[in-house]
Amino acid sequence: MTLVLKPGYSFDSDASTYIDAVETADGQSLETGVRIAINDFVLGCKQDQFWDAIKASCILAGARTLDGALVPLVGTAPTNFSFVAADYDRKTGLKGNGTFKRVDTNYKISHSLTGENLHLGVVGSELLNTGRPLGVFRQAAYTRHYIPVDGFFATRSGWGNATTVVNQASGHYISTRQTGVSPVRYYNGQFDVALNTDNSRPSDWSVTAFVAHGSDTGLSTEPEAFNGYSTARLQMYHIGDGLSALQAANFSTRVSNLITAIGAAIP
């Protein structure tokens, strides 16, 4: 349905579809302010021309229930492994336990993307610098893997090793690369392009939140494994096509506005 709050303000169809699905999962309506925050975010992403670049994403905040939070904003629904209602907070997000809880995004990079055109991002309200909040190992005998945050967000971030140590405990982190363009790492308003140009194809495992999916060697022939469970508290993850530096910066601003507006709308 098309939601209309007042003359001159109507809801985008993609935002309406998402809100309807969240409210169905929650079993009740969202606050008007939360609805508006989501709608403004979707409209903003379309205005900035990177909405279509998002292929898999969940807003892990705003919804009234954990089931609602796991409704996908874009793409296939994720699979919850062991998270319970007590792990979720409407304002601050979903909290990992660092040992076994994870969310499988059910999105496989190798099915549609290569290391030449890819972005991954997470938004956290606390402790993003623990474990591996989002990732999948590459298909090669190395420990490089496609994740935006690893340890102190310094090594093996996105596409190979990085040189700058940035110990950030929260915020929005994006690793992105477009075909023919040097990879970029964007975090809390700062850019870092000190990343290797590793073009190896990601493994056939799906990207996983709260842990990196795959073994230490990254070989797809090995048994399924998970590496680096995180205690992060995530408010969003997103995966998709590569973003330009400007798009990454605009995306981060849109996300910041979304999270701020959600927090203000919830009593």
Protein backbone atom coordinates (compact mmCIF):
# COMPACT_ATOMS: atom_id res chain seq x y z
CA MET A 1 0.00 0.00 0.00
CA THR A 2 1.01 3.67 -0.35
CA LEU A 3 1.41 5.38 3.00
CA VAL A 4 0.47 9.06 3.15
CA LEU A 5 0.98 11.09 6.33
CA LYS A 6 0.08 14.58 5.14
CA PRO A 7 -0.52 16.41 1.85
CA GLY A 8 2.66 16.54 -0.18
CA TYR A 9 4.37 13.68 1.65
CA SER A 10 3.98 10.16 0.36
CA PHE A 11 6.02 7.00 0.72
CA ASP A 12 8.31 5.47 -1.86
CA SER A 13 7.04 2.08 -3.07
CA ASP A 14 10.20 0.21 -2.00
CA ALA A 15 10.08 1.84 1.42
CA SER A 16 6.39 0.98 1.76
CA THR A 17 7.00 -2.64 0.84
CA TYR A 18 9.77 -2.91 3.41
CA ILE A 19 7.78 -1.16 6.15
CA ASP A 20 4.75 -3.40 5.50
CA ALA A 21 6.94 -6.51 5.78
CA VAL A 22 8.55 -5.31 9.03
CA GLU A 23 5.19 -4.48 10.58
CA THR A 24 3.83 -7.89 9.55
CA ALA A 25 6.80 -9.60 11.20
CA ASP A 26 6.45 -7.40 14.29
CA GLY A 27 2.70 -7.89 14.53
CA GLN A 28 2.15 -4.15 15.02
CA SER A 29 2.82 -0.81 13.40
CA LEU A 30 6.02 1.21 13.65
CA GLU A 31 6.07 4.72 15.03
CA THR A 32 5.42 7.42 12.45
CA GLY A 33 8.92 8.78 12.99
CA VAL A 34 10.51 5.40 12.27
CA ARG A 35 8.47 5.08 9.09
CA ILE A 36 9.55 8.52 7.95
CA ALA A 37 13.21 7.78 8.76
CA ILE A 38 13.13 4.65 6.61
CA ASN A 39 11.33 6.40 3.77
CA ASP A 40 13.72 9.36 3.79
CA PHE A 41 16.66 6.95 3.74
CA VAL A 42 15.37 5.04 0.72
CA LEU A 43 14.52 8.24 -1.13
CA GLY A 44 17.95 9.64 -0.30
CA CYS A 45 19.74 6.54 -1.59
CA LYS A 46 17.81 6.81 -4.84
CA GLN A 47 18.50 10.52 -5.11
CA ASP A 48 22.22 9.86 -4.64
CA GLN A 49 22.01 7.08 -7.26
CA PHE A 50 23.36 4.17 -5.27
CA TRP A 51 20.14 2.42 -4.28
CA ASP A 52 20.51 -0.07 -7.13
CA ALA A 53 24.06 -0.86 -5.98
CA ILE A 54 22.70 -2.37 -2.76
CA LYS A 55 22.07 -6.08 -3.35
CA ALA A 56 21.64 -7.40 0.21
CA SER A 57 20.95 -5.42 3.38
CA CYS A 58 19.19 -5.46 6.73
CA ILE A 59 18.50 -2.51 9.00
CA LEU A 60 19.12 -4.15 12.37
CA ALA A 61 17.38 -1.36 14.27
CA GLY A 62 14.00 0.33 14.33
CA ALA A 63 11.85 -2.79 14.11
CA ARG A 64 9.92 -3.72 17.25
CA THR A 65 11.11 -7.33 17.24
CA LEU A 66 14.11 -9.38 16.18
CA ASP A 67 11.99 -10.97 13.45
CA GLY A 68 11.20 -7.51 12.13
CA ALA A 69 14.86 -6.48 12.22
CA LEU A 70 15.79 -9.50 10.09
CA VAL A 71 13.38 -8.52 7.32
CA PRO A 72 15.65 -7.59 4.40
CA LEU A 73 15.65 -4.02 3.18
CA VAL A 74 17.05 -5.39 -0.07
CA GLY A 75 17.69 -8.92 -1.27
CA THR A 76 17.12 -12.35 0.21
CA ALA A 77 16.10 -12.80 3.82
CA PRO A 78 19.02 -13.76 6.08
CA THR A 79 19.12 -16.83 8.30
CA ASN A 80 19.38 -16.34 12.06
CA PHE A 81 21.70 -18.70 13.90
CA SER A 82 21.04 -18.55 17.67
CA PHE A 83 20.17 -14.89 18.20
CA VAL A 84 17.26 -14.35 20.59
CA ALA A 85 15.03 -11.39 21.43
CA ALA A 86 17.25 -10.32 24.34
CA ASP A 87 20.16 -9.75 21.91
CA TYR A 88 18.23 -7.05 20.07
CA ASP A 89 17.71 -3.42 20.96
CA ARG A 90 15.59 -1.17 18.75
CA LYS A 91 18.00 1.74 18.99
CA THR A 92 21.44 0.18 19.29
CA GLY A 93 21.02 -2.97 17.19
CA LEU A 94 21.82 -6.68 17.39
CA LYS A 95 24.59 -7.87 19.72
CA GLY A 96 26.97 -10.73 18.88
CA ASN A 97 28.36 -13.01 21.56
CA GLY A 98 31.80 -13.69 20.10
CA THR A 99 31.42 -17.46 20.10
CA PHE A 100 28.62 -18.94 17.97
CA LYS A 101 25.87 -16.48 17.08
CA ARG A 102 25.77 -15.34 13.47
CA VAL A 103 23.48 -14.13 10.70
CA ASP A 104 23.94 -15.71 7.28
CA THR A 105 23.08 -13.04 4.70
CA ASN A 106 22.46 -15.80 2.12
CA TYR A 107 24.23 -13.61 -0.41
CA LYS A 108 27.08 -15.17 -2.36
CA ILE A 109 29.43 -12.66 -3.91
CA SER A 110 30.82 -15.14 -6.42
CA HIS A 111 27.39 -15.63 -7.95
CA SER A 112 27.14 -12.08 -9.25
CA LEU A 113 30.21 -10.03 -8.38
CA THR A 114 34.00 -10.24 -8.53
CA GLY A 115 36.70 -8.56 -6.51
CA GLU A 116 36.73 -5.83 -9.16
CA ASN A 117 33.24 -4.52 -8.41
CA LEU A 118 32.13 -4.95 -4.84
CA HIS A 119 31.32 -3.18 -1.60
CA LEU A 120 30.66 -4.42 1.90
CA GLY A 121 29.65 -2.33 4.87
CA VAL A 122 28.57 -2.52 8.49
CA VAL A 123 27.18 0.00 10.95
CA GLY A 124 27.82 -0.61 14.63
CA SER A 125 26.91 1.17 17.81
CA GLU A 126 29.74 -0.43 19.80
CA LEU A 127 32.82 -2.64 19.58
CA LEU A 128 33.22 -3.04 15.83
CA ASN A 129 36.90 -3.72 16.39
CA THR A 130 36.34 -7.23 17.73
CA GLY A 131 36.38 -10.32 15.58
CA ARG A 132 35.03 -10.02 12.05
CA PRO A 133 31.59 -8.40 11.93
CA LEU A 134 30.98 -9.20 8.24
CA GLY A 135 32.82 -11.34 5.78
CA VAL A 136 33.64 -14.24 3.55
CA PHE A 137 37.07 -15.67 2.82
CA ARG A 138 38.51 -15.48 -0.67
CA GLN A 139 38.99 -18.53 -2.82
CA ALA A 140 42.75 -18.92 -2.48
CA ALA A 141 45.31 -20.23 -0.03
CA TYR A 142 45.59 -16.98 1.92
CA THR A 143 43.87 -15.44 4.89
CA ARG A 144 42.75 -12.38 2.97
CA HIS A 145 39.03 -12.07 3.01
CA TYR A 146 36.32 -9.70 1.90
CA ILE A 147 35.32 -7.88 5.04
CA PRO A 148 35.19 -4.19 5.96
CA VAL A 149 36.45 -4.58 9.51
CA ASP A 150 39.08 -6.97 10.84
CA GLY A 151 40.63 -6.53 14.26
CA PHE A 152 41.65 -2.87 14.40
CA PHE A 153 40.37 -2.26 10.86
CA ALA A 154 43.91 -2.40 9.59
CA THR A 155 44.84 -5.76 8.11
CA ARG A 156 43.24 -7.70 5.31
CA SER A 157 40.44 -5.20 5.07
CA GLY A 158 38.44 -5.73 1.93
CA TRP A 159 41.16 -6.35 -0.63
CA GLY A 160 44.45 -7.31 0.97
CA ASN A 161 46.54 -5.61 3.60
CA ALA A 162 46.17 -2.01 4.68
CA THR A 163 48.84 0.09 6.33
CA THR A 164 46.91 2.42 8.63
CA VAL A 165 45.82 1.27 12.06
CA VAL A 166 42.49 2.81 13.04
CA ASN A 167 41.09 1.61 16.33
CA GLN A 168 37.44 2.54 16.02
CA ALA A 169 34.84 1.01 18.29
CA SER A 170 31.72 2.10 16.44
CA GLY A 171 30.44 3.77 13.30
CA HIS A 172 29.99 3.01 9.61
CA TYR A 173 32.69 1.14 7.70
CA ILE A 174 32.73 0.47 3.97
CA SER A 175 35.28 -1.35 1.83
CA THR A 176 34.60 -0.80 -1.85
CA ARG A 177 36.17 -1.20 -5.24
CA GLN A 178 34.93 -0.41 -8.70
CA THR A 179 36.31 -1.96 -11.88
CA GLY A 180 39.52 -0.26 -12.87
CA VAL A 181 39.59 1.96 -9.77
CA SER A 182 41.79 1.57 -6.70
CA PRO A 183 39.94 0.14 -3.70
CA VAL A 184 38.74 2.57 -1.07
CA ARG A 185 38.09 2.12 2.62
CA TYR A 186 35.70 4.61 4.18
CA TYR A 187 35.12 4.93 7.90
CA ASN A 188 33.42 7.63 9.92
CA GLY A 189 34.10 10.39 7.43
CA GLN A 190 37.65 9.36 6.53
CA PHE A 191 39.12 7.70 3.44
CA ASP A 192 42.02 5.27 3.27
CA VAL A 193 43.15 3.94 -0.12
CA ALA A 194 46.14 1.93 1.19
CA LEU A 195 44.65 -1.38 0.06
CA ASN A 196 46.08 -4.05 -2.21
CA THR A 197 44.50 -4.64 -5.61
CA ASP A 198 43.71 -8.29 -4.96
CA ASN A 199 41.26 -9.48 -7.62
CA SER A 200 40.83 -13.09 -6.56
CA ARG A 201 37.33 -14.46 -6.75
CA PRO A 202 35.56 -14.74 -3.41
CA SER A 203 34.84 -18.21 -2.13
CA ASP A 204 31.49 -19.85 -2.74
CA TRP A 205 30.38 -19.35 0.87
CA SER A 206 27.78 -16.70 1.55
CA VAL A 207 28.75 -13.50 3.35
CA THR A 208 28.05 -13.78 7.07
CA ALA A 209 27.47 -11.12 9.71
CA PHE A 210 29.15 -11.39 13.15
CA VAL A 211 31.82 -13.73 11.74
CA ALA A 212 33.76 -14.34 8.52
CA HIS A 213 32.48 -17.34 6.59
CA GLY A 214 35.19 -19.76 5.49
CA SER A 215 38.43 -21.33 6.65
CA ASP A 216 41.80 -19.75 7.34
CA THR A 217 43.06 -20.79 3.91
CA GLY A 218 39.89 -19.72 2.15
CA LEU A 219 39.85 -22.81 -0.05
CA SER A 220 36.33 -23.67 -1.12
CA THR A 221 37.19 -27.37 -1.11
CA GLU A 222 37.57 -27.39 2.68
CA PRO A 223 34.72 -28.09 5.11
CA GLU A 224 32.54 -25.18 6.08
CA ALA A 225 34.09 -23.05 8.82
CA PHE A 226 33.65 -19.71 10.57
CA ASN A 227 36.48 -17.45 11.61
CA GLY A 228 36.57 -14.57 14.07
CA TYR A 229 33.21 -14.42 15.85
CA SER A 230 32.49 -10.84 16.86
CA THR A 231 30.92 -9.22 19.90
CA ALA A 232 29.92 -6.23 17.78
CA ARG A 233 26.50 -4.66 18.08
CA LEU A 234 25.35 -4.03 14.52
CA GLN A 235 22.66 -1.64 13.34
CA MET A 236 22.97 -2.47 9.65
CA TYR A 237 24.88 -4.45 7.05
CA HIS A 238 24.95 -3.90 3.30
CA ILE A 239 26.60 -5.67 0.36
CA GLY A 240 26.57 -4.96 -3.35
CA ASP A 241 28.20 -3.32 -6.35
CA GLY A 242 31.22 -1.09 -5.98
CA LEU A 243 30.69 2.49 -4.80
CA SER A 244 32.62 5.57 -5.80
CA ALA A 245 34.30 7.58 -3.05
CA LEU A 246 31.53 10.17 -3.29
CA GLN A 247 28.82 7.53 -3.11
CA ALA A 248 30.46 5.96 -0.05
CA ALA A 249 30.55 9.32 1.69
CA ASN A 250 26.94 10.10 0.80
CA PHE A 251 25.84 6.62 1.83
CA SER A 252 27.46 7.06 5.22
CA THR A 253 25.65 10.37 5.70
CA ARG A 254 22.32 8.78 4.77
CA VAL A 255 22.90 5.94 7.21
CA SER A 256 23.88 8.32 10.02
CA ASN A 257 20.70 10.32 9.47
CA LEU A 258 18.64 7.11 9.44
CA ILE A 259 20.04 5.80 12.73
CA THR A 260 19.73 9.20 14.40
CA ALA A 261 16.11 9.60 13.26
CA ILE A 262 15.18 6.08 14.40
CA GLY A 263 16.65 6.75 17.83
CA ALA A 264 14.76 10.02 18.13
CA ALA A 265 11.45 8.43 17.09
CA ILE A 266 11.55 5.57 19.59
CA PRO A 267 10.43 6.52 23.13
